Amino acid sequence: MGRAFLIAAIGAVLIAVGYGLGTFAESYSLNQCYALGLDTLATEGEVAASSKSDAALARFRRLVRSLPLAGPKTNCKRVQLALDAFDTPD
């Protein structure tokens, strides 16, 4: 009985460690999405504000509305696609 308990305990620890590493990797990836989105917003916001152009402000508004940021449910691929689409010339 002691040996079975030890094997079960080791299995439980391995599962917990794997789950923890997976959770960390997912949150890191999500934070990278937000960092990329916020950096792009900051850069484009500065460009729009310094240009004082209605077209630049409209472009910035389109960027803000196009980013699919949904808190912890954010899909990083969708954020990257939105940023890539924004970077293409109008």
N, C-alpha and C. Protein backbone atom coordinates (compact mmCIF):
# COMPACT_ATOMS: atom_id res chain seq x y z
N MET A 1 0.82 -1.19 0.00
CA MET A 1 0.00 0.00 0.00
C MET A 1 0.87 1.26 0.00
N GLY A 2 1.99 1.25 0.68
CA GLY A 2 2.86 2.41 0.72
C GLY A 2 3.44 2.74 -0.65
N ARG A 3 3.76 1.68 -1.41
CA ARG A 3 4.34 1.90 -2.74
C ARG A 3 3.30 2.51 -3.69
N ALA A 4 2.07 2.01 -3.64
CA ALA A 4 1.00 2.54 -4.49
C ALA A 4 0.72 4.01 -4.15
N PHE A 5 0.75 4.33 -2.87
CA PHE A 5 0.53 5.72 -2.45
C PHE A 5 1.64 6.61 -2.98
N LEU A 6 2.88 6.15 -2.91
CA LEU A 6 4.03 6.93 -3.40
C LEU A 6 3.91 7.17 -4.90
N ILE A 7 3.53 6.16 -5.64
CA ILE A 7 3.37 6.30 -7.10
C ILE A 7 2.25 7.29 -7.41
N ALA A 8 1.14 7.19 -6.69
CA ALA A 8 0.02 8.12 -6.89
C ALA A 8 0.42 9.54 -6.53
N ALA A 9 1.19 9.70 -5.46
CA ALA A 9 1.63 11.04 -5.04
C ALA A 9 2.57 11.64 -6.08
N ILE A 10 3.49 10.84 -6.61
CA ILE A 10 4.41 11.33 -7.65
C ILE A 10 3.63 11.72 -8.90
N GLY A 11 2.65 10.90 -9.26
CA GLY A 11 1.80 11.22 -10.42
C GLY A 11 1.05 12.52 -10.21
N ALA A 12 0.50 12.72 -9.02
CA ALA A 12 -0.24 13.95 -8.73
C ALA A 12 0.68 15.17 -8.79
N VAL A 13 1.90 15.02 -8.26
CA VAL A 13 2.85 16.14 -8.31
C VAL A 13 3.22 16.46 -9.75
N LEU A 14 3.46 15.45 -10.57
CA LEU A 14 3.79 15.68 -11.97
C LEU A 14 2.66 16.37 -12.72
N ILE A 15 1.44 15.96 -12.45
CA ILE A 15 0.28 16.60 -13.08
C ILE A 15 0.17 18.05 -12.64
N ALA A 16 0.36 18.31 -11.35
CA ALA A 16 0.27 19.68 -10.84
C ALA A 16 1.36 20.57 -11.44
N VAL A 17 2.57 20.04 -11.55
CA VAL A 17 3.67 20.81 -12.15
C VAL A 17 3.38 21.10 -13.62
N GLY A 18 2.91 20.09 -14.34
CA GLY A 18 2.56 20.29 -15.75
C GLY A 18 1.46 21.32 -15.93
N TYR A 19 0.45 21.25 -15.07
CA TYR A 19 -0.64 22.23 -15.14
C TYR A 19 -0.13 23.64 -14.84
N GLY A 20 0.72 23.75 -13.83
CA GLY A 20 1.28 25.07 -13.48
C GLY A 20 2.11 25.64 -14.61
N LEU A 21 2.94 24.81 -15.23
CA LEU A 21 3.75 25.29 -16.36
C LEU A 21 2.88 25.70 -17.55
N GLY A 22 1.84 24.93 -17.81
CA GLY A 22 0.92 25.29 -18.89
C GLY A 22 0.19 26.59 -18.63
N THR A 23 -0.24 26.79 -17.41
CA THR A 23 -0.91 28.03 -17.04
C THR A 23 0.02 29.22 -17.18
N PHE A 24 1.27 29.05 -16.73
CA PHE A 24 2.25 30.13 -16.86
C PHE A 24 2.50 30.46 -18.32
N ALA A 25 2.68 29.45 -19.16
CA ALA A 25 2.94 29.68 -20.58
C ALA A 25 1.78 30.41 -21.24
N GLU A 26 0.56 30.02 -20.90
CA GLU A 26 -0.62 30.67 -21.48
C GLU A 26 -0.72 32.13 -21.05
N SER A 27 -0.48 32.41 -19.78
CA SER A 27 -0.58 33.80 -19.31
C SER A 27 0.56 34.64 -19.90
N TYR A 28 1.73 34.05 -20.08
CA TYR A 28 2.84 34.77 -20.70
C TYR A 28 2.48 35.15 -22.14
N SER A 29 1.91 34.21 -22.87
CA SER A 29 1.51 34.46 -24.25
C SER A 29 0.46 35.57 -24.32
N LEU A 30 -0.51 35.51 -23.42
CA LEU A 30 -1.56 36.54 -23.38
C LEU A 30 -0.97 37.90 -23.07
N ASN A 31 -0.03 37.95 -22.13
CA ASN A 31 0.61 39.22 -21.79
C ASN A 31 1.40 39.77 -22.97
N GLN A 32 2.00 38.91 -23.77
CA GLN A 32 2.71 39.36 -24.95
C GLN A 32 1.75 39.99 -25.95
N CYS A 33 0.57 39.41 -26.09
CA CYS A 33 -0.44 39.99 -26.98
C CYS A 33 -0.83 41.39 -26.53
N TYR A 34 -1.09 41.52 -25.24
CA TYR A 34 -1.45 42.83 -24.71
C TYR A 34 -0.31 43.83 -24.86
N ALA A 35 0.91 43.39 -24.61
CA ALA A 35 2.06 44.28 -24.74
C ALA A 35 2.20 44.75 -26.18
N LEU A 36 2.05 43.85 -27.13
CA LEU A 36 2.13 44.23 -28.54
C LEU A 36 1.01 45.20 -28.91
N GLY A 37 -0.21 44.90 -28.48
CA GLY A 37 -1.34 45.77 -28.77
C GLY A 37 -1.18 47.14 -28.15
N LEU A 38 -0.75 47.19 -26.90
CA LEU A 38 -0.58 48.48 -26.22
C LEU A 38 0.57 49.29 -26.81
N ASP A 39 1.64 48.62 -27.20
CA ASP A 39 2.76 49.33 -27.83
C ASP A 39 2.32 49.94 -29.15
N THR A 40 1.57 49.18 -29.93
CA THR A 40 1.06 49.71 -31.20
C THR A 40 0.11 50.87 -30.96
N LEU A 41 -0.76 50.74 -29.97
CA LEU A 41 -1.67 51.84 -29.65
C LEU A 41 -0.91 53.09 -29.24
N ALA A 42 0.12 52.94 -28.41
CA ALA A 42 0.90 54.09 -27.97
C ALA A 42 1.61 54.76 -29.14
N THR A 43 2.23 53.96 -29.98
CA THR A 43 2.96 54.51 -31.12
C THR A 43 2.02 55.23 -32.09
N GLU A 44 0.94 54.56 -32.45
CA GLU A 44 0.00 55.17 -33.40
C GLU A 44 -0.71 56.36 -32.78
N GLY A 45 -0.97 56.32 -31.49
CA GLY A 45 -1.59 57.46 -30.81
C GLY A 45 -0.69 58.69 -30.84
N GLU A 46 0.60 58.48 -30.62
CA GLU A 46 1.55 59.59 -30.70
C GLU A 46 1.62 60.16 -32.10
N VAL A 47 1.63 59.29 -33.10
CA VAL A 47 1.67 59.74 -34.50
C VAL A 47 0.42 60.56 -34.82
N ALA A 48 -0.75 60.05 -34.41
CA ALA A 48 -2.00 60.75 -34.70
C ALA A 48 -2.07 62.09 -33.97
N ALA A 49 -1.62 62.12 -32.72
CA ALA A 49 -1.69 63.36 -31.94
C ALA A 49 -0.71 64.40 -32.48
N SER A 50 0.46 63.96 -32.87
CA SER A 50 1.46 64.94 -33.35
C SER A 50 1.14 65.44 -34.75
N SER A 51 0.44 64.65 -35.54
CA SER A 51 0.15 65.08 -36.91
C SER A 51 -1.00 66.08 -36.96
N LYS A 52 -1.90 66.02 -35.98
CA LYS A 52 -3.08 66.89 -35.94
C LYS A 52 -3.91 66.78 -37.23
N SER A 53 -3.84 65.61 -37.84
CA SER A 53 -4.56 65.36 -39.09
C SER A 53 -5.82 64.57 -38.79
N ASP A 54 -6.92 64.96 -39.43
CA ASP A 54 -8.17 64.21 -39.25
C ASP A 54 -8.03 62.79 -39.78
N ALA A 55 -7.29 62.61 -40.87
CA ALA A 55 -7.09 61.27 -41.43
C ALA A 55 -6.30 60.40 -40.46
N ALA A 56 -5.28 60.96 -39.83
CA ALA A 56 -4.47 60.19 -38.86
C ALA A 56 -5.31 59.82 -37.64
N LEU A 57 -6.16 60.72 -37.20
CA LEU A 57 -7.03 60.42 -36.06
C LEU A 57 -8.05 59.34 -36.43
N ALA A 58 -8.57 59.40 -37.64
CA ALA A 58 -9.53 58.38 -38.09
C ALA A 58 -8.83 57.02 -38.19
N ARG A 59 -7.59 57.02 -38.68
CA ARG A 59 -6.82 55.78 -38.76
C ARG A 59 -6.59 55.20 -37.36
N PHE A 60 -6.29 56.06 -36.40
CA PHE A 60 -6.07 55.59 -35.02
C PHE A 60 -7.36 55.03 -34.44
N ARG A 61 -8.49 55.68 -34.70
CA ARG A 61 -9.78 55.17 -34.23
C ARG A 61 -10.06 53.78 -34.80
N ARG A 62 -9.75 53.60 -36.10
CA ARG A 62 -9.95 52.28 -36.71
C ARG A 62 -9.08 51.23 -36.03
N LEU A 63 -7.85 51.58 -35.71
CA LEU A 63 -6.96 50.65 -35.03
C LEU A 63 -7.54 50.24 -33.68
N VAL A 64 -7.96 51.22 -32.90
CA VAL A 64 -8.50 50.94 -31.56
C VAL A 64 -9.71 50.01 -31.66
N ARG A 65 -10.56 50.27 -32.60
CA ARG A 65 -11.77 49.45 -32.74
C ARG A 65 -11.48 48.07 -33.33
N SER A 66 -10.38 47.93 -34.05
CA SER A 66 -10.10 46.65 -34.72
C SER A 66 -9.43 45.62 -33.83
N LEU A 67 -8.84 46.04 -32.72
CA LEU A 67 -8.13 45.09 -31.87
C LEU A 67 -9.12 44.24 -31.07
N PRO A 68 -9.07 42.93 -31.25
CA PRO A 68 -10.01 42.05 -30.55
C PRO A 68 -9.51 41.67 -29.16
N LEU A 69 -9.39 42.65 -28.28
CA LEU A 69 -8.93 42.39 -26.92
C LEU A 69 -10.13 42.02 -26.06
N ALA A 70 -10.09 40.84 -25.46
CA ALA A 70 -11.22 40.34 -24.69
C ALA A 70 -10.78 39.79 -23.35
N GLY A 71 -9.89 40.49 -22.67
CA GLY A 71 -9.43 40.03 -21.37
C GLY A 71 -8.77 38.68 -21.46
N PRO A 72 -9.04 37.80 -20.51
CA PRO A 72 -8.38 36.50 -20.52
C PRO A 72 -8.80 35.60 -21.68
N LYS A 73 -9.85 35.98 -22.39
CA LYS A 73 -10.31 35.19 -23.53
C LYS A 73 -9.73 35.69 -24.85
N THR A 74 -8.76 36.60 -24.78
CA THR A 74 -8.16 37.15 -25.99
C THR A 74 -7.48 36.05 -26.79
N ASN A 75 -7.72 36.06 -28.09
CA ASN A 75 -7.08 35.12 -28.99
C ASN A 75 -5.89 35.82 -29.63
N CYS A 76 -4.68 35.38 -29.29
CA CYS A 76 -3.47 36.06 -29.75
C CYS A 76 -3.36 36.10 -31.27
N LYS A 77 -3.78 35.04 -31.92
CA LYS A 77 -3.70 35.01 -33.39
C LYS A 77 -4.60 36.08 -34.00
N ARG A 78 -5.77 36.29 -33.41
CA ARG A 78 -6.67 37.33 -33.92
C ARG A 78 -6.08 38.72 -33.70
N VAL A 79 -5.41 38.93 -32.57
CA VAL A 79 -4.77 40.22 -32.31
C VAL A 79 -3.67 40.46 -33.34
N GLN A 80 -2.84 39.44 -33.58
CA GLN A 80 -1.76 39.58 -34.55
C GLN A 80 -2.31 39.84 -35.95
N LEU A 81 -3.37 39.14 -36.33
CA LEU A 81 -3.98 39.37 -37.64
C LEU A 81 -4.51 40.80 -37.76
N ALA A 82 -5.14 41.31 -36.70
CA ALA A 82 -5.66 42.68 -36.72
C ALA A 82 -4.52 43.68 -36.86
N LEU A 83 -3.41 43.45 -36.14
CA LEU A 83 -2.28 44.36 -36.24
C LEU A 83 -1.62 44.28 -37.61
N ASP A 84 -1.52 43.08 -38.16
CA ASP A 84 -0.95 42.92 -39.50
C ASP A 84 -1.83 43.62 -40.54
N ALA A 85 -3.14 43.49 -40.41
CA ALA A 85 -4.06 44.13 -41.34
C ALA A 85 -3.96 45.65 -41.22
N PHE A 86 -3.75 46.13 -40.03
CA PHE A 86 -3.62 47.57 -39.82
C PHE A 86 -2.35 48.12 -40.45
N ASP A 87 -1.28 47.32 -40.40
CA ASP A 87 0.01 47.78 -40.95
C ASP A 87 0.02 47.85 -42.46
N THR A 88 -0.91 47.17 -43.12
CA THR A 88 -0.95 47.23 -44.59
C THR A 88 -1.48 48.61 -45.00
N PRO A 89 -0.98 49.12 -46.12
CA PRO A 89 -1.43 50.44 -46.56
C PRO A 89 -2.93 50.46 -46.87
N ASP A 90 -3.55 51.60 -46.59
CA ASP A 90 -5.00 51.76 -46.85
C ASP A 90 -5.29 51.79 -48.33
